[in-house]
């Protein structure tokens, strides 16, 4: 990965509905534009994501999706209103940001939920996308979120028992994301703080890191993250089941590198192979890694962005 780098420009874009989206740009002001679409939903962009691109070649754009990171209002605030925070809003924000920064076309990089949003964006606006690099692959299907909230219970039975026990008994056989969201939105700090802690403990269990993710030790981050994830998942991300795969033919002509860890538990329902089969001309590269874009997976991402530096773009 490339050395750490600081932004040369940043700001907050008024996207309407009372929301202001944080953005930053680093690298070469005259370079090839590339946008980073973070995961979660609700994680916010990270400084580490800047390091996937050659700063002498790329004009690297990062932004915090609505209610995440430095965008305002924040999901962790009392009385947080998620009405104007949907997949459609996030897609529209990306186009507003592209236009605001006077970018005609850009490379799109996304991981996990960011890969879902990136795919949707490219399917809506293929003429605005030069190349795509995706990792931690997902397509926004209910089958994928059901795997994460219930299916992996057989893989991590003790952690899942604790996770399931975190909601009222009457809700334990239903939609756990929906049940947790109700607790997370409870105005009582004792209720929503415990729910955030329980949700993030399960996240740590199914996507293990060593040591455990420090961001979940921040109560404000944990609450905002858990509220945002459950808000999207309980609504099925406002997507028709399987629509991203069904419309992947729209990506024809866009060079795409799909970098996936062989140890990513999302592989259990076959998403990487289904996406590669549905997207003509995409390339699936498997590396011995998990879900996080670091180590061998991070190196593969850098190889992809390096390779695309000199690749011809689609007219």
C-alpha atoms as a PDB file:
ATOM      1  CA  UNK A   1       0.000   0.000   0.000  1.00  0.00           C
ATOM      2  CA  UNK A   2       1.093   3.562  -0.614  1.00  0.00           C
ATOM      3  CA  UNK A   3       2.301   5.808   2.235  1.00  0.00           C
ATOM      4  CA  UNK A   4      -0.155   7.783   4.318  1.00  0.00           C
ATOM      5  CA  UNK A   5      -1.328  10.995   2.694  1.00  0.00           C
ATOM      6  CA  UNK A   6      -3.434  13.967   3.795  1.00  0.00           C
ATOM      7  CA  UNK A   7      -6.237  15.652   1.804  1.00  0.00           C
ATOM      8  CA  UNK A   8      -5.462  18.852  -0.064  1.00  0.00           C
ATOM      9  CA  UNK A   9      -9.134  19.831  -0.109  1.00  0.00           C
ATOM     10  CA  UNK A  10     -12.265  18.960   1.877  1.00  0.00           C
ATOM     11  CA  UNK A  11     -15.694  20.273   2.744  1.00  0.00           C
ATOM     12  CA  UNK A  12     -19.320  19.465   3.409  1.00  0.00           C
ATOM     13  CA  UNK A  13     -21.791  19.296   0.540  1.00  0.00           C
ATOM     14  CA  UNK A  14     -25.413  20.272   1.157  1.00  0.00           C
ATOM     15  CA  UNK A  15     -27.341  17.374  -0.370  1.00  0.00           C
ATOM     16  CA  UNK A  16     -30.763  18.479   0.835  1.00  0.00           C
ATOM     17  CA  UNK A  17     -33.130  17.165   3.509  1.00  0.00           C
ATOM     18  CA  UNK A  18     -30.990  18.903   6.135  1.00  0.00           C
ATOM     19  CA  UNK A  19     -27.997  16.642   5.361  1.00  0.00           C
ATOM     20  CA  UNK A  20     -24.424  17.755   4.714  1.00  0.00           C
ATOM     21  CA  UNK A  21     -22.037  15.121   3.337  1.00  0.00           C
ATOM     22  CA  UNK A  22     -18.340  15.323   4.229  1.00  0.00           C
ATOM     23  CA  UNK A  23     -15.904  14.894   1.338  1.00  0.00           C
ATOM     24  CA  UNK A  24     -12.163  15.102   0.853  1.00  0.00           C
ATOM     25  CA  UNK A  25      -9.736  14.925  -2.045  1.00  0.00           C
ATOM     26  CA  UNK A  26      -6.086  13.871  -1.961  1.00  0.00           C
ATOM     27  CA  UNK A  27      -3.369  12.858  -4.390  1.00  0.00           C
ATOM     28  CA  UNK A  28      -2.798  14.612  -7.716  1.00  0.00           C
ATOM     29  CA  UNK A  29      -5.267  17.459  -8.424  1.00  0.00           C
ATOM     30  CA  UNK A  30      -4.818  16.771 -12.148  1.00  0.00           C
ATOM     31  CA  UNK A  31      -4.840  12.998 -11.772  1.00  0.00           C
ATOM     32  CA  UNK A  32      -7.295  10.322 -12.820  1.00  0.00           C
ATOM     33  CA  UNK A  33     -10.400  10.645 -10.606  1.00  0.00           C
ATOM     34  CA  UNK A  34     -11.246   7.747  -8.296  1.00  0.00           C
ATOM     35  CA  UNK A  35     -13.983   7.643  -5.648  1.00  0.00           C
ATOM     36  CA  UNK A  36     -13.950   5.476  -2.520  1.00  0.00           C
ATOM     37  CA  UNK A  37     -17.341   4.129  -1.395  1.00  0.00           C
ATOM     38  CA  UNK A  38     -17.118   2.965   2.213  1.00  0.00           C
ATOM     39  CA  UNK A  39     -18.834   0.020   3.818  1.00  0.00           C
ATOM     40  CA  UNK A  40     -21.193  -0.517   6.713  1.00  0.00           C
ATOM     41  CA  UNK A  41     -23.596   0.955   5.953  1.00  0.00           C
ATOM     42  CA  UNK A  42     -22.447   3.599   8.396  1.00  0.00           C
ATOM     43  CA  UNK A  43     -18.716   2.977   8.754  1.00  0.00           C
ATOM     44  CA  UNK A  44     -17.545   6.296   7.333  1.00  0.00           C
ATOM     45  CA  UNK A  45     -14.450   6.704   5.162  1.00  0.00           C
ATOM     46  CA  UNK A  46     -11.029   5.933   6.606  1.00  0.00           C
ATOM     47  CA  UNK A  47      -7.578   7.387   6.062  1.00  0.00           C
ATOM     48  CA  UNK A  48      -6.316   3.919   5.171  1.00  0.00           C
ATOM     49  CA  UNK A  49      -8.466   3.832   2.028  1.00  0.00           C
ATOM     50  CA  UNK A  50      -6.384   6.667   0.572  1.00  0.00           C
ATOM     51  CA  UNK A  51      -3.427   4.270   0.450  1.00  0.00           C
ATOM     52  CA  UNK A  52      -4.887   2.017  -2.248  1.00  0.00           C
ATOM     53  CA  UNK A  53      -4.032   4.553  -4.957  1.00  0.00           C
ATOM     54  CA  UNK A  54      -0.816   5.982  -6.370  1.00  0.00           C
ATOM     55  CA  UNK A  55      -1.071   9.616  -5.175  1.00  0.00           C
ATOM     56  CA  UNK A  56       1.038  10.831  -8.084  1.00  0.00           C
ATOM     57  CA  UNK A  57      -1.474   9.417 -10.565  1.00  0.00           C
ATOM     58  CA  UNK A  58      -4.897   9.557  -8.957  1.00  0.00           C
ATOM     59  CA  UNK A  59      -7.192  12.316  -7.751  1.00  0.00           C
ATOM     60  CA  UNK A  60      -8.667  10.370  -4.837  1.00  0.00           C
ATOM     61  CA  UNK A  61     -12.137  11.312  -3.588  1.00  0.00           C
ATOM     62  CA  UNK A  62     -13.491   9.995  -0.291  1.00  0.00           C
ATOM     63  CA  UNK A  63     -16.817  10.847   1.339  1.00  0.00           C
ATOM     64  CA  UNK A  64     -18.860   9.905   4.387  1.00  0.00           C
ATOM     65  CA  UNK A  65     -22.320   8.650   3.462  1.00  0.00           C
ATOM     66  CA  UNK A  66     -25.314  10.329   5.093  1.00  0.00           C
ATOM     67  CA  UNK A  67     -25.242  10.311   8.907  1.00  0.00           C
ATOM     68  CA  UNK A  68     -21.832   8.565   8.934  1.00  0.00           C
ATOM     69  CA  UNK A  69     -18.387   9.802   9.926  1.00  0.00           C
ATOM     70  CA  UNK A  70     -18.142  13.579   9.657  1.00  0.00           C
ATOM     71  CA  UNK A  71     -21.401  14.028   7.756  1.00  0.00           C
ATOM     72  CA  UNK A  72     -24.241  15.707   9.606  1.00  0.00           C
ATOM     73  CA  UNK A  73     -26.605  15.079  11.243  1.00  0.00           C
ATOM     74  CA  UNK A  74     -25.042  12.003  12.836  1.00  0.00           C
ATOM     75  CA  UNK A  75     -26.795   8.700  13.359  1.00  0.00           C
ATOM     76  CA  UNK A  76     -25.761   8.644  17.008  1.00  0.00           C
ATOM     77  CA  UNK A  77     -27.543  11.895  17.882  1.00  0.00           C
ATOM     78  CA  UNK A  78     -30.637  11.837  20.117  1.00  0.00           C
ATOM     79  CA  UNK A  79     -33.762  11.721  18.005  1.00  0.00           C
ATOM     80  CA  UNK A  80     -31.831  10.839  14.839  1.00  0.00           C
ATOM     81  CA  UNK A  81     -34.186  10.851  11.846  1.00  0.00           C
ATOM     82  CA  UNK A  82     -33.370   8.273   9.163  1.00  0.00           C
ATOM     83  CA  UNK A  83     -36.272   9.179   6.866  1.00  0.00           C
ATOM     84  CA  UNK A  84     -34.001  10.774   4.237  1.00  0.00           C
ATOM     85  CA  UNK A  85     -31.270   8.150   4.471  1.00  0.00           C
ATOM     86  CA  UNK A  86     -31.974   5.430   1.920  1.00  0.00           C
ATOM     87  CA  UNK A  87     -30.088   3.746  -0.885  1.00  0.00           C
ATOM     88  CA  UNK A  88     -31.653   6.132  -3.398  1.00  0.00           C
ATOM     89  CA  UNK A  89     -30.480   9.133  -1.379  1.00  0.00           C
ATOM     90  CA  UNK A  90     -26.914   7.798  -1.256  1.00  0.00           C
ATOM     91  CA  UNK A  91     -26.828   7.187  -5.006  1.00  0.00           C
ATOM     92  CA  UNK A  92     -28.084  10.708  -5.660  1.00  0.00           C
ATOM     93  CA  UNK A  93     -25.432  12.097  -3.290  1.00  0.00           C
ATOM     94  CA  UNK A  94     -22.685  10.423  -5.306  1.00  0.00           C
ATOM     95  CA  UNK A  95     -23.863  12.136  -8.469  1.00  0.00           C
ATOM     96  CA  UNK A  96     -24.152  15.492  -6.701  1.00  0.00           C
ATOM     97  CA  UNK A  97     -20.604  15.119  -5.408  1.00  0.00           C
ATOM     98  CA  UNK A  98     -19.241  14.164  -8.836  1.00  0.00           C
ATOM     99  CA  UNK A  99     -20.859  17.222 -10.376  1.00  0.00           C
ATOM    100  CA  UNK A 100     -19.741  19.496  -7.528  1.00  0.00           C
ATOM    101  CA  UNK A 101     -16.119  18.406  -8.001  1.00  0.00           C
ATOM    102  CA  UNK A 102     -16.414  18.901 -11.802  1.00  0.00           C
ATOM    103  CA  UNK A 103     -15.532  15.266 -12.521  1.00  0.00           C
ATOM    104  CA  UNK A 104     -16.795  13.785 -15.777  1.00  0.00           C
ATOM    105  CA  UNK A 105     -15.935  10.128 -15.111  1.00  0.00           C
ATOM    106  CA  UNK A 106     -14.217   8.295 -12.299  1.00  0.00           C
ATOM    107  CA  UNK A 107     -12.975   4.936 -11.121  1.00  0.00           C
ATOM    108  CA  UNK A 108     -15.239   3.498  -8.424  1.00  0.00           C
ATOM    109  CA  UNK A 109     -13.774   1.519  -5.524  1.00  0.00           C
ATOM    110  CA  UNK A 110     -15.948  -0.063  -2.841  1.00  0.00           C
ATOM    111  CA  UNK A 111     -15.879  -2.801  -0.254  1.00  0.00           C
ATOM    112  CA  UNK A 112     -18.646  -4.742   1.514  1.00  0.00           C
ATOM    113  CA  UNK A 113     -21.732  -2.464   1.571  1.00  0.00           C
ATOM    114  CA  UNK A 114     -19.584  -0.130  -0.512  1.00  0.00           C
ATOM    115  CA  UNK A 115     -19.489  -2.773  -3.233  1.00  0.00           C
ATOM    116  CA  UNK A 116     -23.313  -2.862  -3.257  1.00  0.00           C
ATOM    117  CA  UNK A 117     -23.567   0.912  -3.592  1.00  0.00           C
ATOM    118  CA  UNK A 118     -20.787   0.963  -6.204  1.00  0.00           C
ATOM    119  CA  UNK A 119     -22.522  -1.668  -8.320  1.00  0.00           C
ATOM    120  CA  UNK A 120     -25.852   0.133  -8.121  1.00  0.00           C
ATOM    121  CA  UNK A 121     -24.206   3.433  -9.042  1.00  0.00           C
ATOM    122  CA  UNK A 122     -22.432   1.904 -12.040  1.00  0.00           C
ATOM    123  CA  UNK A 123     -25.605   0.185 -13.229  1.00  0.00           C
ATOM    124  CA  UNK A 124     -27.442   3.526 -13.081  1.00  0.00           C
ATOM    125  CA  UNK A 125     -24.597   5.618 -14.512  1.00  0.00           C
ATOM    126  CA  UNK A 126     -22.303   3.347 -16.575  1.00  0.00           C
ATOM    127  CA  UNK A 127     -21.146   6.299 -18.706  1.00  0.00           C
ATOM    128  CA  UNK A 128     -19.706   7.929 -15.560  1.00  0.00           C
ATOM    129  CA  UNK A 129     -17.538   4.956 -14.549  1.00  0.00           C
ATOM    130  CA  UNK A 130     -14.114   4.261 -16.058  1.00  0.00           C
ATOM    131  CA  UNK A 131     -13.198   1.139 -14.043  1.00  0.00           C
ATOM    132  CA  UNK A 132     -14.281  -0.610 -10.856  1.00  0.00           C
ATOM    133  CA  UNK A 133     -12.364  -2.319  -8.074  1.00  0.00           C
ATOM    134  CA  UNK A 134     -14.488  -4.137  -5.502  1.00  0.00           C
ATOM    135  CA  UNK A 135     -13.746  -6.310  -2.474  1.00  0.00           C
ATOM    136  CA  UNK A 136     -15.641  -7.932   0.399  1.00  0.00           C
ATOM    137  CA  UNK A 137     -18.246  -8.595  -2.255  1.00  0.00           C
ATOM    138  CA  UNK A 138     -21.959  -8.167  -1.634  1.00  0.00           C
ATOM    139  CA  UNK A 139     -24.975  -7.412  -3.824  1.00  0.00           C
ATOM    140  CA  UNK A 140     -27.559  -6.233  -1.292  1.00  0.00           C
ATOM    141  CA  UNK A 141     -29.660  -9.394  -1.263  1.00  0.00           C
ATOM    142  CA  UNK A 142     -31.731 -10.413   1.749  1.00  0.00           C
ATOM    143  CA  UNK A 143     -30.003 -13.778   1.466  1.00  0.00           C
ATOM    144  CA  UNK A 144     -26.707 -12.066   2.298  1.00  0.00           C
ATOM    145  CA  UNK A 145     -27.959 -10.176   5.337  1.00  0.00           C
ATOM    146  CA  UNK A 146     -29.892 -13.237   6.527  1.00  0.00           C
ATOM    147  CA  UNK A 147     -26.617 -15.160   6.421  1.00  0.00           C
ATOM    148  CA  UNK A 148     -24.946 -12.527   8.582  1.00  0.00           C
ATOM    149  CA  UNK A 149     -27.733 -12.206  11.154  1.00  0.00           C
ATOM    150  CA  UNK A 150     -28.890 -15.815  11.380  1.00  0.00           C
ATOM    151  CA  UNK A 151     -27.109 -18.264   9.068  1.00  0.00           C
ATOM    152  CA  UNK A 152     -23.715 -17.818  10.710  1.00  0.00           C
ATOM    153  CA  UNK A 153     -25.241 -18.805  14.032  1.00  0.00           C
ATOM    154  CA  UNK A 154     -24.216 -22.391  13.258  1.00  0.00           C
ATOM    155  CA  UNK A 155     -20.616 -21.261  12.731  1.00  0.00           C
ATOM    156  CA  UNK A 156     -20.447 -19.130  15.892  1.00  0.00           C
ATOM    157  CA  UNK A 157     -23.092 -20.705  18.151  1.00  0.00           C
ATOM    158  CA  UNK A 158     -22.026 -19.122  21.448  1.00  0.00           C
ATOM    159  CA  UNK A 159     -21.677 -15.613  20.037  1.00  0.00           C
ATOM    160  CA  UNK A 160     -24.959 -15.966  18.151  1.00  0.00           C
ATOM    161  CA  UNK A 161     -26.801 -17.143  21.251  1.00  0.00           C
ATOM    162  CA  UNK A 162     -25.664 -13.962  23.004  1.00  0.00           C
ATOM    163  CA  UNK A 163     -26.614 -11.871  19.971  1.00  0.00           C
ATOM    164  CA  UNK A 164     -30.081 -13.419  19.738  1.00  0.00           C
ATOM    165  CA  UNK A 165     -30.631 -13.043  23.468  1.00  0.00           C
ATOM    166  CA  UNK A 166     -30.088  -9.298  23.113  1.00  0.00           C
ATOM    167  CA  UNK A 167     -33.626  -8.763  21.794  1.00  0.00           C
ATOM    168  CA  UNK A 168     -36.944  -9.524  23.532  1.00  0.00           C
ATOM    169  CA  UNK A 169     -37.904 -13.202  23.467  1.00  0.00           C
ATOM    170  CA  UNK A 170     -40.901 -12.515  21.231  1.00  0.00           C
ATOM    171  CA  UNK A 171     -38.579 -11.126  18.515  1.00  0.00           C
ATOM    172  CA  UNK A 172     -35.885 -13.788  18.541  1.00  0.00           C
ATOM    173  CA  UNK A 173     -37.294 -15.864  15.685  1.00  0.00           C
ATOM    174  CA  UNK A 174     -38.065 -12.852  13.508  1.00  0.00           C
ATOM    175  CA  UNK A 175     -36.021 -10.173  11.748  1.00  0.00           C
ATOM    176  CA  UNK A 176     -33.166  -9.544  14.169  1.00  0.00           C
ATOM    177  CA  UNK A 177     -32.073  -6.365  12.390  1.00  0.00           C
ATOM    178  CA  UNK A 178     -35.565  -4.946  12.822  1.00  0.00           C
ATOM    179  CA  UNK A 179     -35.704  -5.982  16.473  1.00  0.00           C
ATOM    180  CA  UNK A 180     -32.310  -4.452  17.195  1.00  0.00           C
ATOM    181  CA  UNK A 181     -33.210  -1.247  15.374  1.00  0.00           C
ATOM    182  CA  UNK A 182     -36.163  -0.676  17.674  1.00  0.00           C
ATOM    183  CA  UNK A 183     -33.873  -1.053  20.693  1.00  0.00           C
ATOM    184  CA  UNK A 184     -31.209   1.167  19.147  1.00  0.00           C
ATOM    185  CA  UNK A 185     -33.739   3.944  18.592  1.00  0.00           C
ATOM    186  CA  UNK A 186     -35.071   3.724  22.147  1.00  0.00           C
ATOM    187  CA  UNK A 187     -34.519   7.102  23.849  1.00  0.00           C
ATOM    188  CA  UNK A 188     -33.300   5.398  27.040  1.00  0.00           C
ATOM    189  CA  UNK A 189     -29.448   5.434  26.918  1.00  0.00           C
ATOM    190  CA  UNK A 190     -29.291   2.211  28.913  1.00  0.00           C
ATOM    191  CA  UNK A 191     -31.370   0.445  26.260  1.00  0.00           C
ATOM    192  CA  UNK A 192     -29.732   1.783  23.087  1.00  0.00           C
ATOM    193  CA  UNK A 193     -26.184   1.597  24.476  1.00  0.00           C
ATOM    194  CA  UNK A 194     -26.578  -2.083  25.372  1.00  0.00           C
ATOM    195  CA  UNK A 195     -28.156  -2.826  21.986  1.00  0.00           C
ATOM    196  CA  UNK A 196     -25.249  -1.131  20.185  1.00  0.00           C
ATOM    197  CA  UNK A 197     -22.732  -3.066  22.270  1.00  0.00           C
ATOM    198  CA  UNK A 198     -24.517  -6.384  21.566  1.00  0.00           C
ATOM    199  CA  UNK A 199     -24.807  -5.698  17.822  1.00  0.00           C
ATOM    200  CA  UNK A 200     -21.151  -4.711  17.476  1.00  0.00           C
ATOM    201  CA  UNK A 201     -20.005  -7.717  19.520  1.00  0.00           C
ATOM    202  CA  UNK A 202     -21.687  -9.928  16.924  1.00  0.00           C
ATOM    203  CA  UNK A 203     -20.051  -7.951  14.101  1.00  0.00           C
ATOM    204  CA  UNK A 204     -16.681  -8.552  15.754  1.00  0.00           C
ATOM    205  CA  UNK A 205     -17.442 -12.259  16.111  1.00  0.00           C
ATOM    206  CA  UNK A 206     -18.302 -12.869  12.445  1.00  0.00           C
ATOM    207  CA  UNK A 207     -15.579 -10.600  11.010  1.00  0.00           C
ATOM    208  CA  UNK A 208     -12.834 -11.226  13.548  1.00  0.00           C
ATOM    209  CA  UNK A 209      -9.801  -8.999  13.873  1.00  0.00           C
ATOM    210  CA  UNK A 210      -6.868  -9.204  16.239  1.00  0.00           C
ATOM    211  CA  UNK A 211      -7.179  -7.231  18.413  1.00  0.00           C
ATOM    212  CA  UNK A 212     -10.940  -6.577  18.182  1.00  0.00           C
ATOM    213  CA  UNK A 213     -11.939  -3.515  16.213  1.00  0.00           C
ATOM    214  CA  UNK A 214     -11.114  -0.401  18.296  1.00  0.00           C
ATOM    215  CA  UNK A 215     -13.844   1.648  16.623  1.00  0.00           C
ATOM    216  CA  UNK A 216     -16.511  -0.376  18.414  1.00  0.00           C
ATOM    217  CA  UNK A 217     -15.033   0.769  21.720  1.00  0.00           C
ATOM    218  CA  UNK A 218     -16.294   4.281  20.915  1.00  0.00           C
ATOM    219  CA  UNK A 219     -19.928   4.335  22.149  1.00  0.00           C
ATOM    220  CA  UNK A 220     -20.952   7.080  19.721  1.00  0.00           C
ATOM    221  CA  UNK A 221     -19.492   5.225  16.731  1.00  0.00           C
ATOM    222  CA  UNK A 222     -21.000   1.910  17.840  1.00  0.00           C
ATOM    223  CA  UNK A 223     -24.461   3.443  18.238  1.00  0.00           C
ATOM    224  CA  UNK A 224     -24.404   5.311  14.934  1.00  0.00           C
ATOM    225  CA  UNK A 225     -23.008   2.331  13.058  1.00  0.00           C
ATOM    226  CA  UNK A 226     -25.504  -0.153  14.507  1.00  0.00           C
ATOM    227  CA  UNK A 227     -28.438   2.192  13.910  1.00  0.00           C
ATOM    228  CA  UNK A 228     -27.448   2.702  10.277  1.00  0.00           C
ATOM    229  CA  UNK A 229     -26.779  -0.962   9.484  1.00  0.00           C
ATOM    230  CA  UNK A 230     -30.042  -2.110  11.008  1.00  0.00           C
ATOM    231  CA  UNK A 231     -31.955   0.722   9.311  1.00  0.00           C
ATOM    232  CA  UNK A 232     -30.773  -0.465   5.897  1.00  0.00           C
ATOM    233  CA  UNK A 233     -31.015  -4.188   6.551  1.00  0.00           C
ATOM    234  CA  UNK A 234     -34.527  -4.101   7.994  1.00  0.00           C
ATOM    235  CA  UNK A 235     -35.639  -2.469   4.740  1.00  0.00           C
ATOM    236  CA  UNK A 236     -33.716  -4.884   2.526  1.00  0.00           C
ATOM    237  CA  UNK A 237     -31.701  -1.831   1.449  1.00  0.00           C
ATOM    238  CA  UNK A 238     -34.835  -0.820  -0.514  1.00  0.00           C
ATOM    239  CA  UNK A 239     -33.811  -3.246  -3.255  1.00  0.00           C
ATOM    240  CA  UNK A 240     -35.739  -5.867  -5.153  1.00  0.00           C
ATOM    241  CA  UNK A 241     -34.169  -9.206  -4.258  1.00  0.00           C
ATOM    242  CA  UNK A 242     -31.395 -10.049  -6.706  1.00  0.00           C
ATOM    243  CA  UNK A 243     -31.716  -6.831  -8.734  1.00  0.00           C
ATOM    244  CA  UNK A 244     -27.973  -6.038  -8.705  1.00  0.00           C
ATOM    245  CA  UNK A 245     -27.123  -9.412 -10.227  1.00  0.00           C
ATOM    246  CA  UNK A 246     -30.064  -9.254 -12.633  1.00  0.00           C
ATOM    247  CA  UNK A 247     -28.904  -5.892 -14.007  1.00  0.00           C
ATOM    248  CA  UNK A 248     -25.163  -6.605 -14.036  1.00  0.00           C
ATOM    249  CA  UNK A 249     -25.261  -6.744 -17.833  1.00  0.00           C
ATOM    250  CA  UNK A 250     -25.359  -2.944 -17.733  1.00  0.00           C
ATOM    251  CA  UNK A 251     -21.735  -3.078 -16.591  1.00  0.00           C
ATOM    252  CA  UNK A 252     -20.603  -4.557 -19.901  1.00  0.00           C
ATOM    253  CA  UNK A 253     -17.602  -2.597 -21.137  1.00  0.00           C
ATOM    254  CA  UNK A 254     -16.551  -1.383 -17.683  1.00  0.00           C
ATOM    255  CA  UNK A 255     -13.303  -3.103 -16.629  1.00  0.00           C
ATOM    256  CA  UNK A 256     -13.818  -4.601 -13.186  1.00  0.00           C
ATOM    257  CA  UNK A 257     -11.546  -6.336 -10.703  1.00  0.00           C
ATOM    258  CA  UNK A 258     -13.297  -8.350  -7.976  1.00  0.00           C
ATOM    259  CA  UNK A 259     -10.815  -9.070  -5.175  1.00  0.00           C
ATOM    260  CA  UNK A 260     -12.168 -11.526  -2.652  1.00  0.00           C
ATOM    261  CA  UNK A 261     -10.755 -13.236   0.406  1.00  0.00           C
ATOM    262  CA  UNK A 262     -11.175 -16.988   0.417  1.00  0.00           C
ATOM    263  CA  UNK A 263     -11.848 -16.820   4.172  1.00  0.00           C
ATOM    264  CA  UNK A 264     -14.644 -14.246   3.841  1.00  0.00           C
ATOM    265  CA  UNK A 265     -17.725 -15.943   5.284  1.00  0.00           C
ATOM    266  CA  UNK A 266     -19.927 -14.091   2.818  1.00  0.00           C
ATOM    267  CA  UNK A 267     -18.637 -16.633   0.280  1.00  0.00           C
ATOM    268  CA  UNK A 268     -20.900 -19.300   1.792  1.00  0.00           C
ATOM    269  CA  UNK A 269     -23.796 -18.387  -0.497  1.00  0.00           C
ATOM    270  CA  UNK A 270     -21.622 -17.893  -3.576  1.00  0.00           C
ATOM    271  CA  UNK A 271     -21.896 -14.135  -4.119  1.00  0.00           C
ATOM    272  CA  UNK A 272     -18.411 -13.593  -5.667  1.00  0.00           C
ATOM    273  CA  UNK A 273     -18.895 -16.268  -8.317  1.00  0.00           C
ATOM    274  CA  UNK A 274     -22.473 -15.212  -9.067  1.00  0.00           C
ATOM    275  CA  UNK A 275     -21.376 -11.618  -9.554  1.00  0.00           C
ATOM    276  CA  UNK A 276     -18.431 -12.552 -11.775  1.00  0.00           C
ATOM    277  CA  UNK A 277     -20.710 -14.733 -13.911  1.00  0.00           C
ATOM    278  CA  UNK A 278     -23.314 -11.978 -14.255  1.00  0.00           C
ATOM    279  CA  UNK A 279     -20.830  -9.194 -15.133  1.00  0.00           C
ATOM    280  CA  UNK A 280     -19.351  -9.722 -18.610  1.00  0.00           C
ATOM    281  CA  UNK A 281     -15.645  -8.944 -18.663  1.00  0.00           C
ATOM    282  CA  UNK A 282     -15.111  -8.764 -14.920  1.00  0.00           C
ATOM    283  CA  UNK A 283     -12.203 -10.597 -13.297  1.00  0.00           C
ATOM    284  CA  UNK A 284     -12.500 -12.436  -9.995  1.00  0.00           C
ATOM    285  CA  UNK A 285      -9.249 -12.795  -8.054  1.00  0.00           C
ATOM    286  CA  UNK A 286      -9.238 -14.918  -4.886  1.00  0.00           C
ATOM    287  CA  UNK A 287      -6.616 -14.366  -2.213  1.00  0.00           C
ATOM    288  CA  UNK A 288      -6.050 -16.029   1.144  1.00  0.00           C
ATOM    289  CA  UNK A 289      -7.657 -13.366   3.322  1.00  0.00           C
ATOM    290  CA  UNK A 290     -10.827 -12.520   5.204  1.00  0.00           C
ATOM    291  CA  UNK A 291     -13.327  -9.697   4.771  1.00  0.00           C
ATOM    292  CA  UNK A 292     -11.150  -6.701   5.621  1.00  0.00           C
ATOM    293  CA  UNK A 293      -9.229  -4.922   2.868  1.00  0.00           C
ATOM    294  CA  UNK A 294      -5.793  -5.288   4.405  1.00  0.00           C
ATOM    295  CA  UNK A 295      -2.857  -7.692   4.104  1.00  0.00           C
ATOM    296  CA  UNK A 296      -3.007  -9.819   0.967  1.00  0.00           C
ATOM    297  CA  UNK A 297      -6.384  -8.415  -0.016  1.00  0.00           C
ATOM    298  CA  UNK A 298      -5.115  -4.842   0.265  1.00  0.00           C
ATOM    299  CA  UNK A 299      -2.109  -5.732  -1.875  1.00  0.00           C
ATOM    300  CA  UNK A 300      -4.400  -7.127  -4.573  1.00  0.00           C
ATOM    301  CA  UNK A 301      -6.423  -3.915  -4.562  1.00  0.00           C
ATOM    302  CA  UNK A 302      -3.260  -1.854  -5.046  1.00  0.00           C
ATOM    303  CA  UNK A 303      -2.206  -4.095  -7.944  1.00  0.00           C
ATOM    304  CA  UNK A 304      -5.585  -3.435  -9.552  1.00  0.00           C
ATOM    305  CA  UNK A 305      -5.468   0.340  -9.179  1.00  0.00           C
ATOM    306  CA  UNK A 306      -1.876   0.333 -10.446  1.00  0.00           C
ATOM    307  CA  UNK A 307      -2.908  -1.702 -13.451  1.00  0.00           C
ATOM    308  CA  UNK A 308      -5.801   0.611 -14.278  1.00  0.00           C
ATOM    309  CA  UNK A 309      -3.531   3.645 -14.240  1.00  0.00           C
ATOM    310  CA  UNK A 310      -2.597   3.068 -17.847  1.00  0.00           C
ATOM    311  CA  UNK A 311      -5.574   1.047 -19.058  1.00  0.00           C
ATOM    312  CA  UNK A 312      -7.641   2.519 -21.882  1.00  0.00           C
ATOM    313  CA  UNK A 313     -10.978   3.898 -20.757  1.00  0.00           C
ATOM    314  CA  UNK A 314     -14.322   3.193 -22.372  1.00  0.00           C
ATOM    315  CA  UNK A 315     -15.479   5.851 -24.817  1.00  0.00           C
END
